[in-house]
Amino acid sequence: MRGYIGFAFILFFAGIVVGGTNEGFRAFLEGQLTGLGQLVESVDNSSNPTLMMMIVIFLNNAIKSILVMYLGAFFGILPLLFLGINGMVIGFVLKLTAESPDALPVWELVVKGLLPHGIIEIPAIIVACAYGLKFGTLVIRAGGNLLFARAKLPGIGREIEHFAIRTVPMMVILTVGLLVASIIESTITLWLLK
């Protein structure tokens, strides 16, 4: 799994660089931020914004992470997109912050607004995507064996079975980590940014 985790990290980091430097994605990324802004607005209008923020962040991240793990079976496409887009959004936000004279300095946004919860959330998302990429690779190998090397099918079938079994405890670990990250993001991160 190390290779998949390393690749997922590189792809996420590349997304940050692209989001922060490439104007070609500006309209798309502004649309992503508009959607997030609407979500934050509805959370702020709730009777208990802190609790609602925690629930929304947790469910959003946990559901997407689990989906990315298992829908990676479709050739690893969803984890690739998920990593790239999430990285690009972070890079774009950092760029907007750097360009705005009224905003926090970028280093302060990273330290106060990203690091407290991101130290748990980002690795959890990267690991979930790495599992999705591995699943996609296994499915591609199984398809290749089905077409060209049928004698190897039982072996790849067992490998997929063992992989699927290993995803269950990882899913629990990631969900707990994302719960902790959502608590930090909805309390400590917001407090630090005020």
N, C-alpha and C. Protein backbone atom coordinates (compact mmCIF):
# COMPACT_ATOMS: atom_id res chain seq x y z
N MET A 1 0.82 -1.21 0.00
CA MET A 1 0.00 0.00 0.00
C MET A 1 0.85 1.27 0.00
N ARG A 2 2.12 1.16 0.39
CA ARG A 2 2.96 2.36 0.47
C ARG A 2 3.04 3.09 -0.86
N GLY A 3 3.21 2.32 -1.94
CA GLY A 3 3.30 2.93 -3.26
C GLY A 3 2.03 3.68 -3.62
N TYR A 4 0.89 3.11 -3.29
CA TYR A 4 -0.39 3.75 -3.58
C TYR A 4 -0.58 5.01 -2.73
N ILE A 5 -0.17 4.93 -1.46
CA ILE A 5 -0.28 6.10 -0.58
C ILE A 5 0.66 7.20 -1.08
N GLY A 6 1.87 6.83 -1.47
CA GLY A 6 2.81 7.81 -2.01
C GLY A 6 2.29 8.46 -3.27
N PHE A 7 1.74 7.66 -4.17
CA PHE A 7 1.17 8.20 -5.41
C PHE A 7 0.00 9.12 -5.11
N ALA A 8 -0.86 8.73 -4.18
CA ALA A 8 -2.01 9.55 -3.81
C ALA A 8 -1.56 10.88 -3.22
N PHE A 9 -0.53 10.85 -2.38
CA PHE A 9 0.01 12.08 -1.80
C PHE A 9 0.55 13.00 -2.90
N ILE A 10 1.31 12.43 -3.83
CA ILE A 10 1.88 13.24 -4.92
C ILE A 10 0.76 13.85 -5.76
N LEU A 11 -0.27 13.09 -6.05
CA LEU A 11 -1.39 13.60 -6.84
C LEU A 11 -2.12 14.72 -6.10
N PHE A 12 -2.31 14.54 -4.80
CA PHE A 12 -2.96 15.58 -3.99
C PHE A 12 -2.12 16.85 -3.99
N PHE A 13 -0.82 16.71 -3.78
CA PHE A 13 0.08 17.86 -3.78
C PHE A 13 0.11 18.53 -5.15
N ALA A 14 0.11 17.72 -6.22
CA ALA A 14 0.07 18.28 -7.57
C ALA A 14 -1.22 19.07 -7.78
N GLY A 15 -2.32 18.59 -7.21
CA GLY A 15 -3.58 19.32 -7.28
C GLY A 15 -3.48 20.67 -6.60
N ILE A 16 -2.79 20.73 -5.46
CA ILE A 16 -2.60 22.00 -4.76
C ILE A 16 -1.83 22.97 -5.66
N VAL A 17 -0.77 22.49 -6.29
CA VAL A 17 0.04 23.33 -7.17
C VAL A 17 -0.79 23.81 -8.36
N VAL A 18 -1.52 22.90 -8.99
CA VAL A 18 -2.34 23.28 -10.15
C VAL A 18 -3.42 24.28 -9.74
N GLY A 19 -4.09 24.04 -8.64
CA GLY A 19 -5.13 24.95 -8.17
C GLY A 19 -4.61 26.33 -7.84
N GLY A 20 -3.37 26.39 -7.38
CA GLY A 20 -2.78 27.67 -7.01
C GLY A 20 -2.11 28.40 -8.15
N THR A 21 -1.88 27.73 -9.27
CA THR A 21 -1.12 28.37 -10.35
C THR A 21 -1.82 28.41 -11.70
N ASN A 22 -2.82 27.59 -11.93
CA ASN A 22 -3.42 27.46 -13.25
C ASN A 22 -4.75 28.20 -13.32
N GLU A 23 -4.80 29.25 -14.12
CA GLU A 23 -6.03 30.04 -14.27
C GLU A 23 -7.11 29.30 -15.05
N GLY A 24 -6.74 28.26 -15.78
CA GLY A 24 -7.69 27.53 -16.61
C GLY A 24 -8.81 26.87 -15.82
N PHE A 25 -8.57 26.62 -14.54
CA PHE A 25 -9.57 25.95 -13.70
C PHE A 25 -10.33 26.93 -12.81
N ARG A 26 -10.11 28.22 -12.99
CA ARG A 26 -10.67 29.24 -12.09
C ARG A 26 -12.20 29.13 -11.98
N ALA A 27 -12.89 29.08 -13.10
CA ALA A 27 -14.36 29.04 -13.07
C ALA A 27 -14.86 27.79 -12.34
N PHE A 28 -14.23 26.66 -12.62
CA PHE A 28 -14.62 25.41 -11.95
C PHE A 28 -14.40 25.52 -10.45
N LEU A 29 -13.24 26.03 -10.04
CA LEU A 29 -12.91 26.11 -8.61
C LEU A 29 -13.77 27.16 -7.90
N GLU A 30 -14.10 28.25 -8.59
CA GLU A 30 -15.02 29.23 -8.00
C GLU A 30 -16.38 28.59 -7.76
N GLY A 31 -16.82 27.74 -8.68
CA GLY A 31 -18.08 27.01 -8.50
C GLY A 31 -18.03 26.09 -7.29
N GLN A 32 -16.89 25.42 -7.09
CA GLN A 32 -16.73 24.56 -5.92
C GLN A 32 -16.83 25.39 -4.64
N LEU A 33 -16.17 26.55 -4.63
CA LEU A 33 -16.20 27.40 -3.43
C LEU A 33 -17.58 27.99 -3.20
N THR A 34 -18.31 28.29 -4.27
CA THR A 34 -19.68 28.79 -4.12
C THR A 34 -20.55 27.73 -3.45
N GLY A 35 -20.40 26.49 -3.88
CA GLY A 35 -21.16 25.39 -3.26
C GLY A 35 -20.82 25.24 -1.80
N LEU A 36 -19.53 25.35 -1.46
CA LEU A 36 -19.12 25.27 -0.05
C LEU A 36 -19.68 26.45 0.73
N GLY A 37 -19.68 27.63 0.11
CA GLY A 37 -20.22 28.82 0.77
C GLY A 37 -21.69 28.68 1.10
N GLN A 38 -22.45 28.10 0.18
CA GLN A 38 -23.88 27.88 0.42
C GLN A 38 -24.09 26.88 1.56
N LEU A 39 -23.24 25.88 1.62
CA LEU A 39 -23.31 24.90 2.69
C LEU A 39 -23.03 25.55 4.04
N VAL A 40 -21.99 26.39 4.08
CA VAL A 40 -21.63 27.09 5.32
C VAL A 40 -22.75 28.03 5.74
N GLU A 41 -23.37 28.70 4.78
CA GLU A 41 -24.47 29.61 5.09
C GLU A 41 -25.65 28.86 5.72
N SER A 42 -25.98 27.71 5.18
CA SER A 42 -27.10 26.94 5.75
C SER A 42 -26.75 26.42 7.14
N VAL A 43 -25.47 26.08 7.36
CA VAL A 43 -25.03 25.63 8.68
C VAL A 43 -25.12 26.79 9.67
N ASP A 44 -24.68 27.98 9.25
CA ASP A 44 -24.72 29.16 10.13
C ASP A 44 -26.14 29.53 10.53
N ASN A 45 -27.11 29.23 9.68
CA ASN A 45 -28.50 29.57 9.97
C ASN A 45 -29.20 28.52 10.83
N SER A 46 -28.51 27.45 11.18
CA SER A 46 -29.13 26.41 12.01
C SER A 46 -29.16 26.84 13.47
N SER A 47 -29.91 26.12 14.29
CA SER A 47 -30.06 26.49 15.70
C SER A 47 -28.78 26.24 16.50
N ASN A 48 -27.96 25.28 16.08
CA ASN A 48 -26.69 24.99 16.75
C ASN A 48 -25.60 24.85 15.68
N PRO A 49 -25.04 25.99 15.23
CA PRO A 49 -24.10 25.95 14.10
C PRO A 49 -22.87 25.07 14.33
N THR A 50 -22.33 25.05 15.55
CA THR A 50 -21.13 24.25 15.80
C THR A 50 -21.41 22.77 15.62
N LEU A 51 -22.49 22.29 16.23
CA LEU A 51 -22.85 20.88 16.10
C LEU A 51 -23.20 20.54 14.65
N MET A 52 -23.96 21.42 14.01
CA MET A 52 -24.34 21.17 12.62
C MET A 52 -23.11 21.15 11.71
N MET A 53 -22.16 22.05 11.96
CA MET A 53 -20.93 22.08 11.17
C MET A 53 -20.17 20.77 11.34
N MET A 54 -20.06 20.30 12.58
CA MET A 54 -19.36 19.04 12.84
C MET A 54 -20.03 17.88 12.10
N ILE A 55 -21.35 17.81 12.18
CA ILE A 55 -22.09 16.72 11.53
C ILE A 55 -21.93 16.77 10.02
N VAL A 56 -22.08 17.96 9.44
CA VAL A 56 -21.97 18.11 7.99
C VAL A 56 -20.57 17.75 7.51
N ILE A 57 -19.55 18.26 8.19
CA ILE A 57 -18.16 17.97 7.79
C ILE A 57 -17.89 16.48 7.92
N PHE A 58 -18.28 15.90 9.04
CA PHE A 58 -18.03 14.47 9.26
C PHE A 58 -18.72 13.62 8.20
N LEU A 59 -20.01 13.83 8.01
CA LEU A 59 -20.75 13.01 7.04
C LEU A 59 -20.20 13.19 5.63
N ASN A 60 -19.91 14.43 5.26
CA ASN A 60 -19.36 14.71 3.94
C ASN A 60 -18.06 13.94 3.72
N ASN A 61 -17.13 14.08 4.65
CA ASN A 61 -15.82 13.43 4.50
C ASN A 61 -15.90 11.91 4.63
N ALA A 62 -16.67 11.42 5.60
CA ALA A 62 -16.75 9.97 5.81
C ALA A 62 -17.42 9.27 4.63
N ILE A 63 -18.53 9.82 4.18
CA ILE A 63 -19.24 9.20 3.05
C ILE A 63 -18.38 9.21 1.80
N LYS A 64 -17.77 10.36 1.51
CA LYS A 64 -16.93 10.45 0.32
C LYS A 64 -15.71 9.54 0.41
N SER A 65 -15.12 9.43 1.59
CA SER A 65 -13.95 8.56 1.74
C SER A 65 -14.31 7.09 1.53
N ILE A 66 -15.43 6.68 2.08
CA ILE A 66 -15.86 5.29 1.91
C ILE A 66 -16.22 5.02 0.44
N LEU A 67 -16.93 5.97 -0.17
CA LEU A 67 -17.27 5.81 -1.59
C LEU A 67 -16.03 5.71 -2.45
N VAL A 68 -15.05 6.57 -2.17
CA VAL A 68 -13.81 6.59 -2.96
C VAL A 68 -13.06 5.26 -2.81
N MET A 69 -13.10 4.68 -1.61
CA MET A 69 -12.43 3.38 -1.40
C MET A 69 -13.03 2.30 -2.29
N TYR A 70 -14.34 2.25 -2.34
CA TYR A 70 -14.99 1.14 -3.03
C TYR A 70 -15.31 1.45 -4.50
N LEU A 71 -15.61 2.70 -4.82
CA LEU A 71 -15.87 3.03 -6.21
C LEU A 71 -14.57 3.15 -7.01
N GLY A 72 -13.45 3.07 -6.32
CA GLY A 72 -12.17 2.97 -7.01
C GLY A 72 -12.11 1.71 -7.85
N ALA A 73 -13.00 0.76 -7.59
CA ALA A 73 -13.06 -0.47 -8.38
C ALA A 73 -13.30 -0.15 -9.86
N PHE A 74 -13.88 1.00 -10.15
CA PHE A 74 -14.09 1.41 -11.54
C PHE A 74 -12.81 2.05 -12.08
N PHE A 75 -11.76 1.23 -12.12
CA PHE A 75 -10.47 1.58 -12.71
C PHE A 75 -9.73 2.71 -11.99
N GLY A 76 -10.10 3.01 -10.76
CA GLY A 76 -9.40 4.01 -9.97
C GLY A 76 -9.68 5.44 -10.39
N ILE A 77 -10.69 5.65 -11.21
CA ILE A 77 -10.97 6.98 -11.74
C ILE A 77 -11.44 7.94 -10.65
N LEU A 78 -12.39 7.52 -9.83
CA LEU A 78 -12.94 8.40 -8.79
C LEU A 78 -11.88 8.86 -7.79
N PRO A 79 -11.02 7.98 -7.28
CA PRO A 79 -9.98 8.47 -6.37
C PRO A 79 -9.04 9.48 -7.02
N LEU A 80 -8.72 9.28 -8.30
CA LEU A 80 -7.86 10.23 -9.01
C LEU A 80 -8.52 11.61 -9.06
N LEU A 81 -9.80 11.63 -9.43
CA LEU A 81 -10.53 12.90 -9.50
C LEU A 81 -10.66 13.54 -8.12
N PHE A 82 -10.99 12.74 -7.13
CA PHE A 82 -11.19 13.23 -5.77
C PHE A 82 -9.92 13.89 -5.23
N LEU A 83 -8.79 13.24 -5.41
CA LEU A 83 -7.51 13.80 -4.95
C LEU A 83 -7.18 15.08 -5.69
N GLY A 84 -7.32 15.04 -7.00
CA GLY A 84 -6.98 16.22 -7.79
C GLY A 84 -7.85 17.41 -7.45
N ILE A 85 -9.15 17.21 -7.38
CA ILE A 85 -10.07 18.32 -7.12
C ILE A 85 -9.88 18.87 -5.71
N ASN A 86 -9.76 18.00 -4.71
CA ASN A 86 -9.56 18.49 -3.34
C ASN A 86 -8.26 19.27 -3.22
N GLY A 87 -7.19 18.77 -3.84
CA GLY A 87 -5.93 19.50 -3.84
C GLY A 87 -6.06 20.84 -4.54
N MET A 88 -6.75 20.85 -5.69
CA MET A 88 -6.92 22.10 -6.43
C MET A 88 -7.71 23.13 -5.64
N VAL A 89 -8.73 22.70 -4.93
CA VAL A 89 -9.52 23.64 -4.11
C VAL A 89 -8.63 24.27 -3.03
N ILE A 90 -7.82 23.46 -2.37
CA ILE A 90 -6.92 24.01 -1.35
C ILE A 90 -5.93 24.98 -1.97
N GLY A 91 -5.33 24.61 -3.09
CA GLY A 91 -4.39 25.50 -3.77
C GLY A 91 -5.04 26.80 -4.19
N PHE A 92 -6.27 26.72 -4.69
CA PHE A 92 -7.00 27.91 -5.13
C PHE A 92 -7.31 28.83 -3.95
N VAL A 93 -7.74 28.25 -2.83
CA VAL A 93 -8.03 29.05 -1.63
C VAL A 93 -6.75 29.74 -1.14
N LEU A 94 -5.64 29.03 -1.15
CA LEU A 94 -4.37 29.64 -0.73
C LEU A 94 -3.99 30.77 -1.68
N LYS A 95 -4.22 30.59 -2.97
CA LYS A 95 -3.92 31.63 -3.95
C LYS A 95 -4.79 32.86 -3.72
N LEU A 96 -6.10 32.65 -3.53
CA LEU A 96 -7.01 33.77 -3.28
C LEU A 96 -6.61 34.52 -2.01
N THR A 97 -6.21 33.77 -1.01
CA THR A 97 -5.77 34.38 0.24
C THR A 97 -4.52 35.22 0.01
N ALA A 98 -3.58 34.71 -0.75
CA ALA A 98 -2.35 35.44 -1.03
C ALA A 98 -2.62 36.71 -1.83
N GLU A 99 -3.62 36.68 -2.70
CA GLU A 99 -3.93 37.84 -3.56
C GLU A 99 -4.77 38.89 -2.85
N SER A 100 -5.43 38.54 -1.76
CA SER A 100 -6.33 39.47 -1.07
C SER A 100 -5.57 40.26 -0.02
N PRO A 101 -5.60 41.60 -0.13
CA PRO A 101 -4.87 42.41 0.86
C PRO A 101 -5.51 42.37 2.25
N ASP A 102 -6.80 42.05 2.32
CA ASP A 102 -7.51 42.04 3.61
C ASP A 102 -7.47 40.68 4.31
N ALA A 103 -6.97 39.67 3.65
CA ALA A 103 -6.99 38.31 4.21
C ALA A 103 -5.80 38.06 5.12
N LEU A 104 -5.89 36.97 5.85
CA LEU A 104 -4.76 36.52 6.67
C LEU A 104 -3.57 36.24 5.77
N PRO A 105 -2.36 36.33 6.32
CA PRO A 105 -1.22 35.83 5.55
C PRO A 105 -1.40 34.33 5.29
N VAL A 106 -0.87 33.85 4.17
CA VAL A 106 -1.06 32.45 3.79
C VAL A 106 -0.54 31.51 4.87
N TRP A 107 0.63 31.80 5.43
CA TRP A 107 1.19 30.92 6.46
C TRP A 107 0.25 30.81 7.64
N GLU A 108 -0.42 31.92 7.99
CA GLU A 108 -1.33 31.91 9.13
C GLU A 108 -2.59 31.09 8.81
N LEU A 109 -3.07 31.21 7.57
CA LEU A 109 -4.22 30.41 7.16
C LEU A 109 -3.88 28.92 7.22
N VAL A 110 -2.67 28.57 6.78
CA VAL A 110 -2.26 27.17 6.80
C VAL A 110 -2.15 26.67 8.24
N VAL A 111 -1.48 27.46 9.10
CA VAL A 111 -1.25 27.03 10.48
C VAL A 111 -2.54 27.01 11.29
N LYS A 112 -3.39 28.02 11.13
CA LYS A 112 -4.61 28.10 11.94
C LYS A 112 -5.83 27.46 11.28
N GLY A 113 -5.91 27.54 9.96
CA GLY A 113 -7.13 27.11 9.28
C GLY A 113 -7.06 25.74 8.63
N LEU A 114 -5.85 25.23 8.44
CA LEU A 114 -5.73 23.95 7.75
C LEU A 114 -5.06 22.88 8.61
N LEU A 115 -4.01 23.26 9.29
CA LEU A 115 -3.21 22.28 10.03
C LEU A 115 -3.94 21.59 11.19
N PRO A 116 -4.70 22.33 12.03
CA PRO A 116 -5.30 21.66 13.20
C PRO A 116 -6.13 20.42 12.85
N HIS A 117 -6.99 20.53 11.86
CA HIS A 117 -7.80 19.37 11.48
C HIS A 117 -7.20 18.63 10.29
N GLY A 118 -6.48 19.35 9.44
CA GLY A 118 -5.92 18.76 8.23
C GLY A 118 -4.85 17.72 8.50
N ILE A 119 -4.22 17.82 9.66
CA ILE A 119 -3.18 16.84 10.00
C ILE A 119 -3.77 15.44 10.15
N ILE A 120 -5.07 15.37 10.42
CA ILE A 120 -5.78 14.08 10.49
C ILE A 120 -6.58 13.85 9.20
N GLU A 121 -7.30 14.88 8.77
CA GLU A 121 -8.23 14.74 7.65
C GLU A 121 -7.53 14.43 6.33
N ILE A 122 -6.48 15.17 6.02
CA ILE A 122 -5.80 14.99 4.73
C ILE A 122 -5.18 13.59 4.61
N PRO A 123 -4.43 13.12 5.62
CA PRO A 123 -3.93 11.74 5.50
C PRO A 123 -5.05 10.70 5.39
N ALA A 124 -6.16 10.92 6.10
CA ALA A 124 -7.28 9.97 6.02
C ALA A 124 -7.83 9.91 4.60
N ILE A 125 -7.99 11.07 3.99
CA ILE A 125 -8.50 11.11 2.62
C ILE A 125 -7.50 10.49 1.64
N ILE A 126 -6.22 10.77 1.85
CA ILE A 126 -5.18 10.19 0.98
C ILE A 126 -5.17 8.67 1.11
N VAL A 127 -5.28 8.16 2.32
CA VAL A 127 -5.30 6.70 2.51
C VAL A 127 -6.55 6.08 1.88
N ALA A 128 -7.70 6.72 2.05
CA ALA A 128 -8.93 6.20 1.43
C ALA A 128 -8.78 6.15 -0.09
N CYS A 129 -8.22 7.19 -0.66
CA CYS A 129 -8.02 7.22 -2.11
C CYS A 129 -6.99 6.18 -2.54
N ALA A 130 -5.96 5.98 -1.72
CA ALA A 130 -4.96 4.96 -2.04
C ALA A 130 -5.61 3.57 -2.09
N TYR A 131 -6.51 3.31 -1.16
CA TYR A 131 -7.24 2.04 -1.19
C TYR A 131 -8.11 1.94 -2.44
N GLY A 132 -8.73 3.04 -2.82
CA GLY A 132 -9.53 3.05 -4.05
C GLY A 132 -8.68 2.79 -5.28
N LEU A 133 -7.48 3.39 -5.31
CA LEU A 133 -6.57 3.16 -6.43
C LEU A 133 -6.12 1.70 -6.49
N LYS A 134 -5.83 1.13 -5.33
CA LYS A 134 -5.43 -0.28 -5.27
C LYS A 134 -6.57 -1.18 -5.76
N PHE A 135 -7.79 -0.86 -5.35
CA PHE A 135 -8.95 -1.63 -5.78
C PHE A 135 -9.09 -1.56 -7.30
N GLY A 136 -8.93 -0.36 -7.85
CA GLY A 136 -8.99 -0.19 -9.30
C GLY A 136 -7.93 -1.00 -10.02
N THR A 137 -6.73 -1.01 -9.47
CA THR A 137 -5.63 -1.79 -10.06
C THR A 137 -5.96 -3.28 -10.04
N LEU A 138 -6.50 -3.75 -8.93
CA LEU A 138 -6.87 -5.17 -8.83
C LEU A 138 -7.95 -5.53 -9.86
N VAL A 139 -8.91 -4.65 -10.05
CA VAL A 139 -9.98 -4.92 -11.02
C VAL A 139 -9.41 -4.94 -12.44
N ILE A 140 -8.51 -4.01 -12.73
CA ILE A 140 -7.87 -4.00 -14.06
C ILE A 140 -7.08 -5.29 -14.28
N ARG A 141 -6.34 -5.71 -13.26
CA ARG A 141 -5.59 -6.97 -13.37
C ARG A 141 -6.53 -8.15 -13.57
N ALA A 142 -7.65 -8.15 -12.84
CA ALA A 142 -8.62 -9.24 -12.98
C ALA A 142 -9.19 -9.27 -14.40
N GLY A 143 -9.48 -8.09 -14.94
CA GLY A 143 -9.97 -8.01 -16.31
C GLY A 143 -8.94 -8.53 -17.31
N GLY A 144 -7.69 -8.16 -17.09
CA GLY A 144 -6.62 -8.66 -17.95
C GLY A 144 -6.49 -10.17 -17.87
N ASN A 145 -6.58 -10.69 -16.66
CA ASN A 145 -6.51 -12.15 -16.48
C ASN A 145 -7.71 -12.84 -17.14
N LEU A 146 -8.86 -12.22 -17.03
CA LEU A 146 -10.06 -12.80 -17.64
C LEU A 146 -9.90 -12.91 -19.16
N LEU A 147 -9.28 -11.89 -19.74
CA LEU A 147 -9.12 -11.87 -21.19
C LEU A 147 -7.93 -12.68 -21.68
N PHE A 148 -6.82 -12.63 -20.93
CA PHE A 148 -5.57 -13.17 -21.47
C PHE A 148 -4.93 -14.30 -20.66
N ALA A 149 -5.30 -14.45 -19.41
CA ALA A 149 -4.63 -15.46 -18.57
C ALA A 149 -5.62 -16.05 -17.58
N ARG A 150 -6.58 -16.78 -18.07
CA ARG A 150 -7.65 -17.31 -17.21
C ARG A 150 -7.13 -18.19 -16.08
N ALA A 151 -5.99 -18.79 -16.26
CA ALA A 151 -5.44 -19.66 -15.21
C ALA A 151 -5.09 -18.86 -13.95
N LYS A 152 -4.86 -17.55 -14.10
CA LYS A 152 -4.50 -16.71 -12.96
C LYS A 152 -5.72 -16.13 -12.25
N LEU A 153 -6.91 -16.34 -12.79
CA LEU A 153 -8.13 -15.77 -12.19
C LEU A 153 -8.35 -16.15 -10.73
N PRO A 154 -8.18 -17.41 -10.34
CA PRO A 154 -8.40 -17.74 -8.92
C PRO A 154 -7.46 -16.96 -8.00
N GLY A 155 -6.23 -16.74 -8.43
CA GLY A 155 -5.27 -16.00 -7.60
C GLY A 155 -5.68 -14.56 -7.41
N ILE A 156 -6.07 -13.89 -8.50
CA ILE A 156 -6.48 -12.49 -8.39
C ILE A 156 -7.81 -12.39 -7.63
N GLY A 157 -8.66 -13.41 -7.76
CA GLY A 157 -9.91 -13.43 -7.00
C GLY A 157 -9.65 -13.47 -5.50
N ARG A 158 -8.70 -14.30 -5.09
CA ARG A 158 -8.33 -14.36 -3.66
C ARG A 158 -7.71 -13.04 -3.21
N GLU A 159 -6.91 -12.45 -4.09
CA GLU A 159 -6.28 -11.17 -3.74
C GLU A 159 -7.33 -10.08 -3.54
N ILE A 160 -8.33 -10.04 -4.40
CA ILE A 160 -9.42 -9.07 -4.25
C ILE A 160 -10.20 -9.35 -2.96
N GLU A 161 -10.44 -10.61 -2.67
CA GLU A 161 -11.16 -10.98 -1.44
C GLU A 161 -10.38 -10.53 -0.20
N HIS A 162 -9.08 -10.80 -0.16
CA HIS A 162 -8.26 -10.38 0.98
C HIS A 162 -8.22 -8.86 1.09
N PHE A 163 -8.13 -8.19 -0.05
CA PHE A 163 -8.13 -6.73 -0.05
C PHE A 163 -9.44 -6.20 0.52
N ALA A 164 -10.57 -6.74 0.07
CA ALA A 164 -11.88 -6.29 0.55
C ALA A 164 -12.01 -6.49 2.05
N ILE A 165 -11.49 -7.59 2.56
CA ILE A 165 -11.54 -7.85 4.01
C ILE A 165 -10.70 -6.81 4.75
N ARG A 166 -9.53 -6.45 4.20
CA ARG A 166 -8.66 -5.46 4.84
C ARG A 166 -9.26 -4.06 4.84
N THR A 167 -10.18 -3.79 3.90
CA THR A 167 -10.76 -2.44 3.86
C THR A 167 -11.70 -2.18 5.03
N VAL A 168 -12.28 -3.22 5.61
CA VAL A 168 -13.26 -3.02 6.68
C VAL A 168 -12.63 -2.36 7.91
N PRO A 169 -11.54 -2.91 8.49
CA PRO A 169 -10.95 -2.20 9.63
C PRO A 169 -10.39 -0.83 9.24
N MET A 170 -9.89 -0.71 8.01
CA MET A 170 -9.38 0.59 7.58
C MET A 170 -10.51 1.60 7.49
N MET A 171 -11.67 1.17 7.04
CA MET A 171 -12.83 2.04 6.97
C MET A 171 -13.20 2.54 8.36
N VAL A 172 -13.14 1.68 9.35
CA VAL A 172 -13.45 2.07 10.74
C VAL A 172 -12.42 3.08 11.24
N ILE A 173 -11.14 2.80 11.00
CA ILE A 173 -10.07 3.71 11.44
C ILE A 173 -10.23 5.08 10.79
N LEU A 174 -10.48 5.09 9.48
CA LEU A 174 -10.65 6.36 8.77
C LEU A 174 -11.86 7.13 9.28
N THR A 175 -12.95 6.42 9.55
CA THR A 175 -14.17 7.07 10.03
C THR A 175 -13.93 7.71 11.39
N VAL A 176 -13.24 7.01 12.28
CA VAL A 176 -12.93 7.58 13.60
C VAL A 176 -12.01 8.80 13.44
N GLY A 177 -11.00 8.68 12.59
CA GLY A 177 -10.11 9.81 12.34
C GLY A 177 -10.84 11.01 11.78
N LEU A 178 -11.75 10.77 10.85
CA LEU A 178 -12.52 11.87 10.26
C LEU A 178 -13.50 12.47 11.26
N LEU A 179 -14.00 11.68 12.20
CA LEU A 179 -14.85 12.22 13.26
C LEU A 179 -14.04 13.18 14.13
N VAL A 180 -12.85 12.75 14.53
CA VAL A 180 -11.98 13.61 15.34
C VAL A 180 -11.64 14.89 14.57
N ALA A 181 -11.31 14.75 13.28
CA ALA A 181 -10.97 15.92 12.46
C ALA A 181 -12.16 16.88 12.35
N SER A 182 -13.38 16.34 12.24
CA SER A 182 -14.55 17.21 12.12
C SER A 182 -14.82 17.95 13.42
N ILE A 183 -14.56 17.31 14.55
CA ILE A 183 -14.70 17.99 15.85
C ILE A 183 -13.69 19.13 15.95
N ILE A 184 -12.45 18.85 15.57
CA ILE A 184 -11.41 19.89 15.61
C ILE A 184 -11.75 21.02 14.65
N GLU A 185 -12.18 20.68 13.42
CA GLU A 185 -12.47 21.71 12.41
C GLU A 185 -13.63 22.60 12.82
N SER A 186 -14.65 22.03 13.45
CA SER A 186 -15.83 22.82 13.81
C SER A 186 -15.67 23.57 15.12
N THR A 187 -14.60 23.31 15.85
CA THR A 187 -14.39 24.02 17.13
C THR A 187 -13.05 24.75 17.14
N ILE A 188 -11.97 24.02 17.23
CA ILE A 188 -10.64 24.63 17.39
C ILE A 188 -10.25 25.46 16.18
N THR A 189 -10.42 24.91 14.98
CA THR A 189 -10.05 25.65 13.77
C THR A 189 -10.84 26.95 13.67
N LEU A 190 -12.14 26.89 13.89
CA LEU A 190 -12.95 28.11 13.84
C LEU A 190 -12.52 29.11 14.90
N TRP A 191 -12.21 28.63 16.09
CA TRP A 191 -11.76 29.50 17.17
C TRP A 191 -10.44 30.18 16.81
N LEU A 192 -9.52 29.42 16.22
CA LEU A 192 -8.23 29.98 15.83
C LEU A 192 -8.36 31.03 14.73
N LEU A 193 -9.33 30.86 13.85
CA LEU A 193 -9.49 31.79 12.73
C LEU A 193 -10.25 33.06 13.11
N LYS A 194 -10.87 33.09 14.29
CA LYS A 194 -11.61 34.30 14.70
C LYS A 194 -10.69 35.37 15.21
